[in-house]
Amino acid sequence: MILSKQHLVMARPLALAIVAALSLAACATYDDDFARINSRLDQLDSKVQSAAQSADAANQSAQRANQRLDAIEGRVQQLETAPRRKPRG
């Protein structure tokens, strides 16, 4: 069977339609992959936000502890430099 010009004219748009359909079908599978990746990124983002809040809270707690240490440092030095008391008895 020899292809005539009429067959070639009909075959080109059909081939183009098949290629376009396959391309669109392939993109549809990527949509699922992108949705899965976006979901995972959202989960990771929430974990990072939670970790950042925990780190901020720990930092504030450490700063308060340092302030308390600074507040008693003078008293500790005063006690260390005070003359020793003699025991009674």
Protein backbone atom coordinates (compact mmCIF):
# COMPACT_ATOMS: atom_id res chain seq x y z
CA MET A 1 0.00 0.00 0.00
CA ILE A 2 1.55 3.23 -1.15
CA LEU A 3 0.85 6.36 0.86
CA SER A 4 -0.61 9.09 -1.22
CA LYS A 5 -0.44 12.82 -0.56
CA GLN A 6 -3.92 12.68 0.92
CA HIS A 7 -2.82 10.03 3.41
CA LEU A 8 0.23 12.10 4.38
CA VAL A 9 -1.91 15.19 4.84
CA MET A 10 -4.19 13.22 7.18
CA ALA A 11 -1.33 11.46 8.99
CA ARG A 12 0.53 14.62 10.03
CA PRO A 13 -2.27 16.18 12.12
CA LEU A 14 -3.06 12.76 13.58
CA ALA A 15 0.58 12.24 14.60
CA LEU A 16 0.66 15.76 16.07
CA ALA A 17 -2.52 15.04 18.05
CA ILE A 18 -1.06 11.78 19.39
CA VAL A 19 2.18 13.50 20.46
CA ALA A 20 0.22 16.31 22.13
CA ALA A 21 -2.01 13.84 23.97
CA LEU A 22 0.96 11.86 25.24
CA SER A 23 2.69 15.04 26.36
CA LEU A 24 -0.36 16.19 28.30
CA ALA A 25 -0.77 12.76 29.85
CA ALA A 26 2.84 12.86 31.01
CA CYS A 27 2.30 16.29 32.57
CA ALA A 28 -0.67 14.97 34.52
CA THR A 29 1.56 12.49 36.31
CA TYR A 30 3.94 15.30 37.22
CA ASP A 31 1.04 17.18 38.81
CA ASP A 32 0.66 14.36 41.32
CA ASP A 33 4.39 14.41 41.99
CA PHE A 34 4.37 18.18 42.47
CA ALA A 35 1.41 17.93 44.84
CA ARG A 36 3.23 15.28 46.88
CA ILE A 37 6.41 17.38 46.98
CA ASN A 38 4.47 20.51 47.99
CA SER A 39 2.77 18.58 50.77
CA ARG A 40 6.13 17.34 52.04
CA LEU A 41 7.57 20.86 51.87
CA ASP A 42 4.60 22.17 53.89
CA GLN A 43 5.23 19.52 56.55
CA LEU A 44 8.93 20.38 56.68
CA ASP A 45 8.13 24.08 56.89
CA SER A 46 5.88 23.54 59.90
CA LYS A 47 8.58 21.45 61.59
CA VAL A 48 11.16 24.17 60.94
CA GLN A 49 8.82 26.80 62.36
CA SER A 50 8.26 24.67 65.46
CA ALA A 51 12.00 24.13 65.90
CA ALA A 52 12.63 27.86 65.50
CA GLN A 53 10.06 28.64 68.20
CA SER A 54 11.63 26.07 70.52
CA ALA A 55 15.07 27.55 69.88
CA ASP A 56 13.79 31.05 70.63
CA ALA A 57 12.21 29.85 73.88
CA ALA A 58 15.44 28.09 74.90
CA ASN A 59 17.43 31.22 74.07
CA GLN A 60 15.16 33.39 76.21
CA SER A 61 15.41 30.92 79.07
CA ALA A 62 19.21 30.93 78.82
CA GLN A 63 19.27 34.72 78.83
CA ARG A 64 17.12 34.79 82.00
CA ALA A 65 19.44 32.26 83.64
CA ASN A 66 22.46 34.39 82.72
CA GLN A 67 20.78 37.45 84.21
CA ARG A 68 20.15 35.58 87.46
CA LEU A 69 23.79 34.45 87.53
CA ASP A 70 24.96 38.00 86.93
CA ALA A 71 22.71 39.19 89.75
CA ILE A 72 24.24 36.82 92.31
CA GLU A 73 27.84 37.09 91.06
CA GLY A 74 28.55 40.15 93.22
CA ARG A 75 27.28 38.41 96.34
CA VAL A 76 29.40 35.31 95.59
CA GLN A 77 32.53 37.39 95.16
CA GLN A 78 31.77 39.26 98.38
CA LEU A 79 31.45 35.99 100.26
CA GLU A 80 34.65 34.63 98.73
CA THR A 81 36.69 37.70 99.69
CA ALA A 82 35.21 38.11 103.18
CA PRO A 83 37.51 37.20 106.05
CA ARG A 84 36.96 33.77 107.49
CA ARG A 85 34.97 33.55 110.63
CA LYS A 86 36.39 31.70 113.55
CA PRO A 87 34.32 28.78 114.82
CA ARG A 88 32.75 29.13 118.23
CA GLY A 89 33.72 26.90 120.90
